[in-house]
């Protein structure tokens, strides 16, 4: 083999181990799940013994009221927690992006919740929501209010797990937003300050637009993760009361373990994967549009 051929092959030789690990560790399980979704498969069978039933698992899910309810709960839960966490996290980052005495201690305290294991978070909030000895109802009683059925009422149960998720994962948004703020070009901020821009004007017209690419990726990562929340809800409500807090990941787990319908669970997983892929593509396309618009504005300024 010639030297030129070797030089051309060298990058592929270095990439081959990583590509092999990706195929084995990523593509093979996804392909296995897609194949299983076309089977009438239960845990007592080997996958080769299961009957091929085509799209029956997918079509049956479309008419399954419980599946549609869990999808609705998932969309409601994810949209509320992501929007709220983005607002609070970015707001805290803007508030703490300054030289204040003890600011490093405050930043450390803010990121503590995301370091706690999800099982512990679920148990902690479950005890705080306890109807008689929980801290919230004890405070309400001390103030003369009636106790709230935090986890036993369908309306309050969803709000309760939303509050717990916001408490745990707002620090994730805060860290990335603060990192984006601290990496902004100081020249642009100094120029706006010299031009007489107020603090709010700097935030709206300079900081947030420059942070937008990072915020889009951050929101996307948090959105994907919110669709996969399992442990906290499992410990706090186990999907109840009724199906009021049963999100898709919990429904998939119960379908596979309790109902022993592995093919149906695989089909649910594929529906969830398709939904997340669609949201991811939309977010990246939007990000590309924003980047192209900014590039055209910069080019117009330079030409002008």
C-alpha atoms as a PDB file:
ATOM      1  CA  UNK A   1       0.000   0.000   0.000  1.00  0.00           C
ATOM      2  CA  UNK A   2       1.368   3.414  -1.003  1.00  0.00           C
ATOM      3  CA  UNK A   3       2.128   6.235   1.431  1.00  0.00           C
ATOM      4  CA  UNK A   4      -0.735   8.347   0.068  1.00  0.00           C
ATOM      5  CA  UNK A   5      -3.184   5.493   0.551  1.00  0.00           C
ATOM      6  CA  UNK A   6      -1.958   4.982   4.111  1.00  0.00           C
ATOM      7  CA  UNK A   7      -2.351   8.678   4.909  1.00  0.00           C
ATOM      8  CA  UNK A   8      -5.898   8.623   3.580  1.00  0.00           C
ATOM      9  CA  UNK A   9      -6.759   5.516   5.578  1.00  0.00           C
ATOM     10  CA  UNK A  10      -5.217   6.700   8.847  1.00  0.00           C
ATOM     11  CA  UNK A  11      -8.212   8.824  10.021  1.00  0.00           C
ATOM     12  CA  UNK A  12     -10.600   5.935   9.327  1.00  0.00           C
ATOM     13  CA  UNK A  13      -8.365   3.531  11.221  1.00  0.00           C
ATOM     14  CA  UNK A  14      -8.474   5.810  14.268  1.00  0.00           C
ATOM     15  CA  UNK A  15     -12.257   6.188  13.948  1.00  0.00           C
ATOM     16  CA  UNK A  16     -12.897   2.454  13.506  1.00  0.00           C
ATOM     17  CA  UNK A  17     -12.801   1.489  17.227  1.00  0.00           C
ATOM     18  CA  UNK A  18     -15.174   4.327  18.185  1.00  0.00           C
ATOM     19  CA  UNK A  19     -17.493   3.466  15.292  1.00  0.00           C
ATOM     20  CA  UNK A  20     -17.472  -0.192  16.333  1.00  0.00           C
ATOM     21  CA  UNK A  21     -18.369   0.670  19.932  1.00  0.00           C
ATOM     22  CA  UNK A  22     -21.151   2.965  18.682  1.00  0.00           C
ATOM     23  CA  UNK A  23     -22.628   0.264  16.463  1.00  0.00           C
ATOM     24  CA  UNK A  24     -22.524  -2.336  19.214  1.00  0.00           C
ATOM     25  CA  UNK A  25     -23.529  -0.067  22.099  1.00  0.00           C
ATOM     26  CA  UNK A  26     -26.051   2.230  20.386  1.00  0.00           C
ATOM     27  CA  UNK A  27     -27.343   1.068  17.031  1.00  0.00           C
ATOM     28  CA  UNK A  28     -27.685  -2.620  17.925  1.00  0.00           C
ATOM     29  CA  UNK A  29     -29.958  -2.028  20.982  1.00  0.00           C
ATOM     30  CA  UNK A  30     -32.089   0.418  19.005  1.00  0.00           C
ATOM     31  CA  UNK A  31     -32.406  -2.077  16.145  1.00  0.00           C
ATOM     32  CA  UNK A  32     -33.236  -4.816  18.661  1.00  0.00           C
ATOM     33  CA  UNK A  33     -35.988  -2.643  20.167  1.00  0.00           C
ATOM     34  CA  UNK A  34     -37.439  -1.798  16.761  1.00  0.00           C
ATOM     35  CA  UNK A  35     -37.474  -5.493  15.796  1.00  0.00           C
ATOM     36  CA  UNK A  36     -39.099  -6.453  19.133  1.00  0.00           C
ATOM     37  CA  UNK A  37     -41.909  -3.950  18.556  1.00  0.00           C
ATOM     38  CA  UNK A  38     -43.167  -6.069  15.645  1.00  0.00           C
ATOM     39  CA  UNK A  39     -43.479  -9.187  17.817  1.00  0.00           C
ATOM     40  CA  UNK A  40     -46.012 -10.631  20.231  1.00  0.00           C
ATOM     41  CA  UNK A  41     -43.299 -11.175  22.831  1.00  0.00           C
ATOM     42  CA  UNK A  42     -43.462 -11.893  26.559  1.00  0.00           C
ATOM     43  CA  UNK A  43     -40.694 -12.609  29.107  1.00  0.00           C
ATOM     44  CA  UNK A  44     -41.330 -16.372  29.067  1.00  0.00           C
ATOM     45  CA  UNK A  45     -40.128 -16.574  25.441  1.00  0.00           C
ATOM     46  CA  UNK A  46     -36.878 -16.129  23.633  1.00  0.00           C
ATOM     47  CA  UNK A  47     -37.173 -13.362  21.083  1.00  0.00           C
ATOM     48  CA  UNK A  48     -36.785 -15.919  18.299  1.00  0.00           C
ATOM     49  CA  UNK A  49     -39.856 -17.795  19.587  1.00  0.00           C
ATOM     50  CA  UNK A  50     -42.170 -14.766  19.505  1.00  0.00           C
ATOM     51  CA  UNK A  51     -44.757 -14.438  16.729  1.00  0.00           C
ATOM     52  CA  UNK A  52     -44.329 -11.695  14.153  1.00  0.00           C
ATOM     53  CA  UNK A  53     -47.465  -9.513  14.158  1.00  0.00           C
ATOM     54  CA  UNK A  54     -46.362  -6.536  12.063  1.00  0.00           C
ATOM     55  CA  UNK A  55     -47.749  -3.158  13.097  1.00  0.00           C
ATOM     56  CA  UNK A  56     -50.402  -4.534  15.447  1.00  0.00           C
ATOM     57  CA  UNK A  57     -48.630  -3.239  18.568  1.00  0.00           C
ATOM     58  CA  UNK A  58     -48.470   0.268  17.094  1.00  0.00           C
ATOM     59  CA  UNK A  59     -52.080   0.342  15.933  1.00  0.00           C
ATOM     60  CA  UNK A  60     -53.386  -1.058  19.220  1.00  0.00           C
ATOM     61  CA  UNK A  61     -51.564   1.687  21.140  1.00  0.00           C
ATOM     62  CA  UNK A  62     -53.268   4.388  19.088  1.00  0.00           C
ATOM     63  CA  UNK A  63     -56.607   3.134  20.381  1.00  0.00           C
ATOM     64  CA  UNK A  64     -55.385   2.590  23.954  1.00  0.00           C
ATOM     65  CA  UNK A  65     -56.857   5.249  26.233  1.00  0.00           C
ATOM     66  CA  UNK A  66     -54.255   4.613  28.943  1.00  0.00           C
ATOM     67  CA  UNK A  67     -51.428   5.173  26.457  1.00  0.00           C
ATOM     68  CA  UNK A  68     -52.966   8.428  25.237  1.00  0.00           C
ATOM     69  CA  UNK A  69     -53.447   9.554  28.848  1.00  0.00           C
ATOM     70  CA  UNK A  70     -49.805   8.853  29.710  1.00  0.00           C
ATOM     71  CA  UNK A  71     -48.694  10.736  26.589  1.00  0.00           C
ATOM     72  CA  UNK A  72     -50.832  13.725  27.601  1.00  0.00           C
ATOM     73  CA  UNK A  73     -49.406  13.665  31.138  1.00  0.00           C
ATOM     74  CA  UNK A  74     -45.867  13.452  29.722  1.00  0.00           C
ATOM     75  CA  UNK A  75     -46.346  16.435  27.417  1.00  0.00           C
ATOM     76  CA  UNK A  76     -47.953  18.487  30.177  1.00  0.00           C
ATOM     77  CA  UNK A  77     -45.276  17.587  32.726  1.00  0.00           C
ATOM     78  CA  UNK A  78     -42.347  18.191  30.348  1.00  0.00           C
ATOM     79  CA  UNK A  79     -43.611  21.492  28.978  1.00  0.00           C
ATOM     80  CA  UNK A  80     -44.296  22.946  32.436  1.00  0.00           C
ATOM     81  CA  UNK A  81     -41.034  21.860  34.061  1.00  0.00           C
ATOM     82  CA  UNK A  82     -38.792  22.861  31.138  1.00  0.00           C
ATOM     83  CA  UNK A  83     -40.334  26.324  30.711  1.00  0.00           C
ATOM     84  CA  UNK A  84     -40.300  26.996  34.467  1.00  0.00           C
ATOM     85  CA  UNK A  85     -36.767  25.703  34.938  1.00  0.00           C
ATOM     86  CA  UNK A  86     -35.499  27.771  32.012  1.00  0.00           C
ATOM     87  CA  UNK A  87     -37.065  30.936  33.402  1.00  0.00           C
ATOM     88  CA  UNK A  88     -35.804  30.390  36.953  1.00  0.00           C
ATOM     89  CA  UNK A  89     -32.388  29.063  35.926  1.00  0.00           C
ATOM     90  CA  UNK A  90     -31.632  31.862  33.464  1.00  0.00           C
ATOM     91  CA  UNK A  91     -32.990  34.430  35.926  1.00  0.00           C
ATOM     92  CA  UNK A  92     -30.714  33.160  38.697  1.00  0.00           C
ATOM     93  CA  UNK A  93     -27.737  33.163  36.319  1.00  0.00           C
ATOM     94  CA  UNK A  94     -28.408  36.782  35.368  1.00  0.00           C
ATOM     95  CA  UNK A  95     -28.822  37.693  39.025  1.00  0.00           C
ATOM     96  CA  UNK A  96     -25.622  36.009  40.203  1.00  0.00           C
ATOM     97  CA  UNK A  97     -23.383  37.002  37.298  1.00  0.00           C
ATOM     98  CA  UNK A  98     -21.671  39.695  39.319  1.00  0.00           C
ATOM     99  CA  UNK A  99     -19.043  40.180  41.975  1.00  0.00           C
ATOM    100  CA  UNK A 100     -20.915  39.765  45.263  1.00  0.00           C
ATOM    101  CA  UNK A 101     -19.349  38.771  48.549  1.00  0.00           C
ATOM    102  CA  UNK A 102     -19.937  35.055  49.141  1.00  0.00           C
ATOM    103  CA  UNK A 103     -21.202  34.468  45.586  1.00  0.00           C
ATOM    104  CA  UNK A 104     -19.164  31.263  45.233  1.00  0.00           C
ATOM    105  CA  UNK A 105     -20.913  29.811  48.296  1.00  0.00           C
ATOM    106  CA  UNK A 106     -24.322  30.721  46.860  1.00  0.00           C
ATOM    107  CA  UNK A 107     -23.491  29.063  43.538  1.00  0.00           C
ATOM    108  CA  UNK A 108     -22.409  25.890  45.332  1.00  0.00           C
ATOM    109  CA  UNK A 109     -25.641  25.816  47.341  1.00  0.00           C
ATOM    110  CA  UNK A 110     -27.741  26.267  44.199  1.00  0.00           C
ATOM    111  CA  UNK A 111     -26.260  23.195  42.479  1.00  0.00           C
ATOM    112  CA  UNK A 112     -26.639  20.833  45.467  1.00  0.00           C
ATOM    113  CA  UNK A 113     -30.126  19.473  44.505  1.00  0.00           C
ATOM    114  CA  UNK A 114     -28.938  17.986  41.193  1.00  0.00           C
ATOM    115  CA  UNK A 115     -26.228  16.042  43.045  1.00  0.00           C
ATOM    116  CA  UNK A 116     -28.790  14.063  45.078  1.00  0.00           C
ATOM    117  CA  UNK A 117     -29.843  10.635  43.806  1.00  0.00           C
ATOM    118  CA  UNK A 118     -33.370  10.612  42.273  1.00  0.00           C
ATOM    119  CA  UNK A 119     -34.549   7.895  44.677  1.00  0.00           C
ATOM    120  CA  UNK A 120     -33.522  10.052  47.637  1.00  0.00           C
ATOM    121  CA  UNK A 121     -35.225  13.083  46.087  1.00  0.00           C
ATOM    122  CA  UNK A 122     -38.451  11.100  45.679  1.00  0.00           C
ATOM    123  CA  UNK A 123     -38.385   9.836  49.266  1.00  0.00           C
ATOM    124  CA  UNK A 124     -37.534  13.262  50.650  1.00  0.00           C
ATOM    125  CA  UNK A 125     -40.379  15.013  48.864  1.00  0.00           C
ATOM    126  CA  UNK A 126     -42.795  12.179  49.614  1.00  0.00           C
ATOM    127  CA  UNK A 127     -42.223  12.645  53.337  1.00  0.00           C
ATOM    128  CA  UNK A 128     -42.484  16.429  53.049  1.00  0.00           C
ATOM    129  CA  UNK A 129     -45.841  15.942  51.271  1.00  0.00           C
ATOM    130  CA  UNK A 130     -47.109  13.505  53.943  1.00  0.00           C
ATOM    131  CA  UNK A 131     -50.732  14.409  54.822  1.00  0.00           C
ATOM    132  CA  UNK A 132     -50.233  14.490  58.607  1.00  0.00           C
ATOM    133  CA  UNK A 133     -46.523  14.763  59.472  1.00  0.00           C
ATOM    134  CA  UNK A 134     -45.226  16.433  56.304  1.00  0.00           C
ATOM    135  CA  UNK A 135     -43.659  19.840  56.702  1.00  0.00           C
ATOM    136  CA  UNK A 136     -45.975  21.550  54.217  1.00  0.00           C
ATOM    137  CA  UNK A 137     -49.232  20.493  55.851  1.00  0.00           C
ATOM    138  CA  UNK A 138     -47.829  21.216  59.320  1.00  0.00           C
ATOM    139  CA  UNK A 139     -47.067  24.775  58.206  1.00  0.00           C
ATOM    140  CA  UNK A 140     -50.561  25.115  56.715  1.00  0.00           C
ATOM    141  CA  UNK A 141     -52.121  23.905  59.978  1.00  0.00           C
ATOM    142  CA  UNK A 142     -50.007  26.332  61.998  1.00  0.00           C
ATOM    143  CA  UNK A 143     -51.248  29.161  59.774  1.00  0.00           C
ATOM    144  CA  UNK A 144     -54.869  28.061  60.150  1.00  0.00           C
ATOM    145  CA  UNK A 145     -55.348  26.498  56.704  1.00  0.00           C
ATOM    146  CA  UNK A 146     -56.723  23.099  55.777  1.00  0.00           C
ATOM    147  CA  UNK A 147     -54.137  20.421  54.839  1.00  0.00           C
ATOM    148  CA  UNK A 148     -53.697  19.713  51.132  1.00  0.00           C
ATOM    149  CA  UNK A 149     -53.852  16.151  49.730  1.00  0.00           C
ATOM    150  CA  UNK A 150     -50.570  16.597  47.871  1.00  0.00           C
ATOM    151  CA  UNK A 151     -50.150  13.041  46.567  1.00  0.00           C
ATOM    152  CA  UNK A 152     -53.652  11.599  46.946  1.00  0.00           C
ATOM    153  CA  UNK A 153     -55.504  14.095  44.728  1.00  0.00           C
ATOM    154  CA  UNK A 154     -55.073  13.821  40.958  1.00  0.00           C
ATOM    155  CA  UNK A 155     -54.677  17.556  40.452  1.00  0.00           C
ATOM    156  CA  UNK A 156     -52.294  18.160  43.339  1.00  0.00           C
ATOM    157  CA  UNK A 157     -50.230  15.022  42.627  1.00  0.00           C
ATOM    158  CA  UNK A 158     -49.061  16.260  39.217  1.00  0.00           C
ATOM    159  CA  UNK A 159     -48.277  19.691  40.663  1.00  0.00           C
ATOM    160  CA  UNK A 160     -46.320  18.015  43.473  1.00  0.00           C
ATOM    161  CA  UNK A 161     -44.004  16.056  41.167  1.00  0.00           C
ATOM    162  CA  UNK A 162     -43.561  19.157  38.995  1.00  0.00           C
ATOM    163  CA  UNK A 163     -42.389  21.128  42.050  1.00  0.00           C
ATOM    164  CA  UNK A 164     -39.954  18.345  42.999  1.00  0.00           C
ATOM    165  CA  UNK A 165     -38.520  18.195  39.479  1.00  0.00           C
ATOM    166  CA  UNK A 166     -38.122  21.975  39.287  1.00  0.00           C
ATOM    167  CA  UNK A 167     -36.302  21.940  42.633  1.00  0.00           C
ATOM    168  CA  UNK A 168     -33.898  19.229  41.477  1.00  0.00           C
ATOM    169  CA  UNK A 169     -33.105  20.296  37.909  1.00  0.00           C
ATOM    170  CA  UNK A 170     -33.231  24.100  37.862  1.00  0.00           C
ATOM    171  CA  UNK A 171     -29.539  24.057  38.937  1.00  0.00           C
ATOM    172  CA  UNK A 172     -28.692  22.292  35.656  1.00  0.00           C
ATOM    173  CA  UNK A 173     -30.112  25.226  33.696  1.00  0.00           C
ATOM    174  CA  UNK A 174     -28.456  27.667  36.092  1.00  0.00           C
ATOM    175  CA  UNK A 175     -24.966  26.189  35.605  1.00  0.00           C
ATOM    176  CA  UNK A 176     -25.098  26.193  31.803  1.00  0.00           C
ATOM    177  CA  UNK A 177     -26.706  29.636  31.619  1.00  0.00           C
ATOM    178  CA  UNK A 178     -24.093  31.071  33.985  1.00  0.00           C
ATOM    179  CA  UNK A 179     -21.304  29.512  31.917  1.00  0.00           C
ATOM    180  CA  UNK A 180     -22.810  31.060  28.775  1.00  0.00           C
ATOM    181  CA  UNK A 181     -23.026  34.450  30.482  1.00  0.00           C
ATOM    182  CA  UNK A 182     -19.417  34.365  31.633  1.00  0.00           C
ATOM    183  CA  UNK A 183     -18.215  33.473  28.122  1.00  0.00           C
ATOM    184  CA  UNK A 184     -19.919  36.453  26.455  1.00  0.00           C
ATOM    185  CA  UNK A 185     -17.582  38.964  24.779  1.00  0.00           C
ATOM    186  CA  UNK A 186     -16.981  41.745  27.292  1.00  0.00           C
ATOM    187  CA  UNK A 187     -16.305  44.179  24.455  1.00  0.00           C
ATOM    188  CA  UNK A 188     -19.968  44.100  23.394  1.00  0.00           C
ATOM    189  CA  UNK A 189     -21.139  44.680  26.973  1.00  0.00           C
ATOM    190  CA  UNK A 190     -18.679  47.514  27.509  1.00  0.00           C
ATOM    191  CA  UNK A 191     -19.692  49.151  24.216  1.00  0.00           C
ATOM    192  CA  UNK A 192     -23.375  49.007  25.151  1.00  0.00           C
ATOM    193  CA  UNK A 193     -22.608  50.431  28.587  1.00  0.00           C
ATOM    194  CA  UNK A 194     -20.713  53.322  27.007  1.00  0.00           C
ATOM    195  CA  UNK A 195     -23.662  53.938  24.671  1.00  0.00           C
ATOM    196  CA  UNK A 196     -25.876  54.345  27.728  1.00  0.00           C
ATOM    197  CA  UNK A 197     -27.721  51.006  27.669  1.00  0.00           C
ATOM    198  CA  UNK A 198     -29.435  50.150  30.951  1.00  0.00           C
ATOM    199  CA  UNK A 199     -29.137  46.788  32.676  1.00  0.00           C
ATOM    200  CA  UNK A 200     -32.446  45.566  31.260  1.00  0.00           C
ATOM    201  CA  UNK A 201     -31.510  46.724  27.768  1.00  0.00           C
ATOM    202  CA  UNK A 202     -28.243  44.821  27.979  1.00  0.00           C
ATOM    203  CA  UNK A 203     -30.098  41.683  29.056  1.00  0.00           C
ATOM    204  CA  UNK A 204     -32.791  41.870  26.359  1.00  0.00           C
ATOM    205  CA  UNK A 205     -30.733  43.111  23.410  1.00  0.00           C
ATOM    206  CA  UNK A 206     -27.260  41.704  24.064  1.00  0.00           C
ATOM    207  CA  UNK A 207     -27.011  38.975  26.696  1.00  0.00           C
ATOM    208  CA  UNK A 208     -30.042  36.864  25.832  1.00  0.00           C
ATOM    209  CA  UNK A 209     -29.513  36.990  22.021  1.00  0.00           C
ATOM    210  CA  UNK A 210     -25.859  35.979  22.452  1.00  0.00           C
ATOM    211  CA  UNK A 211     -26.842  33.225  24.890  1.00  0.00           C
ATOM    212  CA  UNK A 212     -29.604  31.877  22.642  1.00  0.00           C
ATOM    213  CA  UNK A 213     -27.613  29.019  20.984  1.00  0.00           C
ATOM    214  CA  UNK A 214     -26.552  27.716  24.404  1.00  0.00           C
ATOM    215  CA  UNK A 215     -30.066  28.135  25.813  1.00  0.00           C
ATOM    216  CA  UNK A 216     -31.580  26.208  22.896  1.00  0.00           C
ATOM    217  CA  UNK A 217     -29.242  23.250  23.443  1.00  0.00           C
ATOM    218  CA  UNK A 218     -29.771  23.447  27.215  1.00  0.00           C
ATOM    219  CA  UNK A 219     -33.540  23.459  26.834  1.00  0.00           C
ATOM    220  CA  UNK A 220     -33.350  20.547  24.402  1.00  0.00           C
ATOM    221  CA  UNK A 221     -31.225  18.467  26.770  1.00  0.00           C
ATOM    222  CA  UNK A 222     -33.578  19.191  29.656  1.00  0.00           C
ATOM    223  CA  UNK A 223     -36.622  18.421  27.499  1.00  0.00           C
ATOM    224  CA  UNK A 224     -35.212  15.039  26.483  1.00  0.00           C
ATOM    225  CA  UNK A 225     -34.357  14.231  30.094  1.00  0.00           C
ATOM    226  CA  UNK A 226     -37.812  15.258  31.338  1.00  0.00           C
ATOM    227  CA  UNK A 227     -39.394  12.639  29.080  1.00  0.00           C
ATOM    228  CA  UNK A 228     -37.337   9.962  30.845  1.00  0.00           C
ATOM    229  CA  UNK A 229     -38.069  10.855  34.483  1.00  0.00           C
ATOM    230  CA  UNK A 230     -38.912   7.642  36.328  1.00  0.00           C
ATOM    231  CA  UNK A 231     -37.462   7.172  39.809  1.00  0.00           C
ATOM    232  CA  UNK A 232     -38.860  10.294  41.470  1.00  0.00           C
ATOM    233  CA  UNK A 233     -42.417   9.677  40.195  1.00  0.00           C
ATOM    234  CA  UNK A 234     -42.164   5.963  40.966  1.00  0.00           C
ATOM    235  CA  UNK A 235     -41.267   6.669  44.595  1.00  0.00           C
ATOM    236  CA  UNK A 236     -43.657   9.573  45.117  1.00  0.00           C
ATOM    237  CA  UNK A 237     -46.876   8.425  43.427  1.00  0.00           C
ATOM    238  CA  UNK A 238     -46.182   5.291  41.346  1.00  0.00           C
ATOM    239  CA  UNK A 239     -48.182   6.980  38.595  1.00  0.00           C
ATOM    240  CA  UNK A 240     -51.274   7.581  40.711  1.00  0.00           C
ATOM    241  CA  UNK A 241     -53.821   8.493  41.766  1.00  0.00           C
ATOM    242  CA  UNK A 242     -55.281   6.692  38.784  1.00  0.00           C
ATOM    243  CA  UNK A 243     -53.140   7.674  35.799  1.00  0.00           C
ATOM    244  CA  UNK A 244     -52.729  11.317  36.772  1.00  0.00           C
ATOM    245  CA  UNK A 245     -48.922  11.149  37.120  1.00  0.00           C
ATOM    246  CA  UNK A 246     -48.121   8.151  34.919  1.00  0.00           C
ATOM    247  CA  UNK A 247     -45.700   9.509  32.325  1.00  0.00           C
ATOM    248  CA  UNK A 248     -44.515   7.507  29.321  1.00  0.00           C
ATOM    249  CA  UNK A 249     -41.356   6.080  30.908  1.00  0.00           C
ATOM    250  CA  UNK A 250     -43.363   4.720  33.835  1.00  0.00           C
ATOM    251  CA  UNK A 251     -46.017   3.325  31.484  1.00  0.00           C
ATOM    252  CA  UNK A 252     -43.329   1.558  29.450  1.00  0.00           C
ATOM    253  CA  UNK A 253     -41.777   0.089  32.603  1.00  0.00           C
ATOM    254  CA  UNK A 254     -45.137  -1.187  33.878  1.00  0.00           C
ATOM    255  CA  UNK A 255     -46.095  -2.629  30.491  1.00  0.00           C
ATOM    256  CA  UNK A 256     -42.869  -4.633  30.353  1.00  0.00           C
ATOM    257  CA  UNK A 257     -42.654  -5.741  34.010  1.00  0.00           C
ATOM    258  CA  UNK A 258     -46.249  -5.922  35.290  1.00  0.00           C
ATOM    259  CA  UNK A 259     -48.248  -6.613  32.118  1.00  0.00           C
ATOM    260  CA  UNK A 260     -45.418  -8.730  30.594  1.00  0.00           C
ATOM    261  CA  UNK A 261     -45.941  -7.310  27.105  1.00  0.00           C
ATOM    262  CA  UNK A 262     -42.425  -6.695  25.853  1.00  0.00           C
ATOM    263  CA  UNK A 263     -43.467  -6.080  22.251  1.00  0.00           C
ATOM    264  CA  UNK A 264     -45.992  -3.431  23.267  1.00  0.00           C
ATOM    265  CA  UNK A 265     -43.415  -1.792  25.572  1.00  0.00           C
ATOM    266  CA  UNK A 266     -40.937  -1.697  22.682  1.00  0.00           C
ATOM    267  CA  UNK A 267     -43.552  -0.035  20.471  1.00  0.00           C
ATOM    268  CA  UNK A 268     -44.196   2.576  23.177  1.00  0.00           C
ATOM    269  CA  UNK A 269     -40.453   3.205  23.395  1.00  0.00           C
ATOM    270  CA  UNK A 270     -40.307   3.740  19.642  1.00  0.00           C
ATOM    271  CA  UNK A 271     -43.183   6.218  19.790  1.00  0.00           C
ATOM    272  CA  UNK A 272     -41.303   8.103  22.509  1.00  0.00           C
ATOM    273  CA  UNK A 273     -38.078   7.943  20.493  1.00  0.00           C
ATOM    274  CA  UNK A 274     -39.860   9.298  17.416  1.00  0.00           C
ATOM    275  CA  UNK A 275     -41.354  12.154  19.443  1.00  0.00           C
ATOM    276  CA  UNK A 276     -37.968  13.103  20.889  1.00  0.00           C
ATOM    277  CA  UNK A 277     -36.306  12.911  17.468  1.00  0.00           C
ATOM    278  CA  UNK A 278     -38.965  15.216  16.048  1.00  0.00           C
ATOM    279  CA  UNK A 279     -38.486  17.749  18.845  1.00  0.00           C
ATOM    280  CA  UNK A 280     -34.705  17.540  18.454  1.00  0.00           C
ATOM    281  CA  UNK A 281     -34.858  18.158  14.704  1.00  0.00           C
ATOM    282  CA  UNK A 282     -37.209  21.120  15.196  1.00  0.00           C
ATOM    283  CA  UNK A 283     -34.899  22.683  17.782  1.00  0.00           C
ATOM    284  CA  UNK A 284     -31.782  22.225  15.643  1.00  0.00           C
ATOM    285  CA  UNK A 285     -33.502  23.605  12.548  1.00  0.00           C
ATOM    286  CA  UNK A 286     -34.607  26.627  14.558  1.00  0.00           C
ATOM    287  CA  UNK A 287     -31.050  27.063  15.832  1.00  0.00           C
ATOM    288  CA  UNK A 288     -29.703  26.922  12.262  1.00  0.00           C
ATOM    289  CA  UNK A 289     -32.231  29.549  11.157  1.00  0.00           C
ATOM    290  CA  UNK A 290     -31.155  31.842  14.005  1.00  0.00           C
ATOM    291  CA  UNK A 291     -27.473  31.341  13.141  1.00  0.00           C
ATOM    292  CA  UNK A 292     -28.099  32.057   9.449  1.00  0.00           C
ATOM    293  CA  UNK A 293     -30.045  35.194  10.313  1.00  0.00           C
ATOM    294  CA  UNK A 294     -27.271  36.449  12.585  1.00  0.00           C
ATOM    295  CA  UNK A 295     -24.646  35.699   9.924  1.00  0.00           C
ATOM    296  CA  UNK A 296     -26.611  37.665   7.317  1.00  0.00           C
ATOM    297  CA  UNK A 297     -26.968  40.613   9.708  1.00  0.00           C
ATOM    298  CA  UNK A 298     -23.224  40.601  10.437  1.00  0.00           C
ATOM    299  CA  UNK A 299     -22.433  40.426   6.734  1.00  0.00           C
ATOM    300  CA  UNK A 300     -24.768  43.344   6.008  1.00  0.00           C
ATOM    301  CA  UNK A 301     -23.113  45.399   8.749  1.00  0.00           C
ATOM    302  CA  UNK A 302     -19.639  44.638   7.423  1.00  0.00           C
ATOM    303  CA  UNK A 303     -20.616  45.492   3.857  1.00  0.00           C
ATOM    304  CA  UNK A 304     -22.348  48.666   4.974  1.00  0.00           C
END
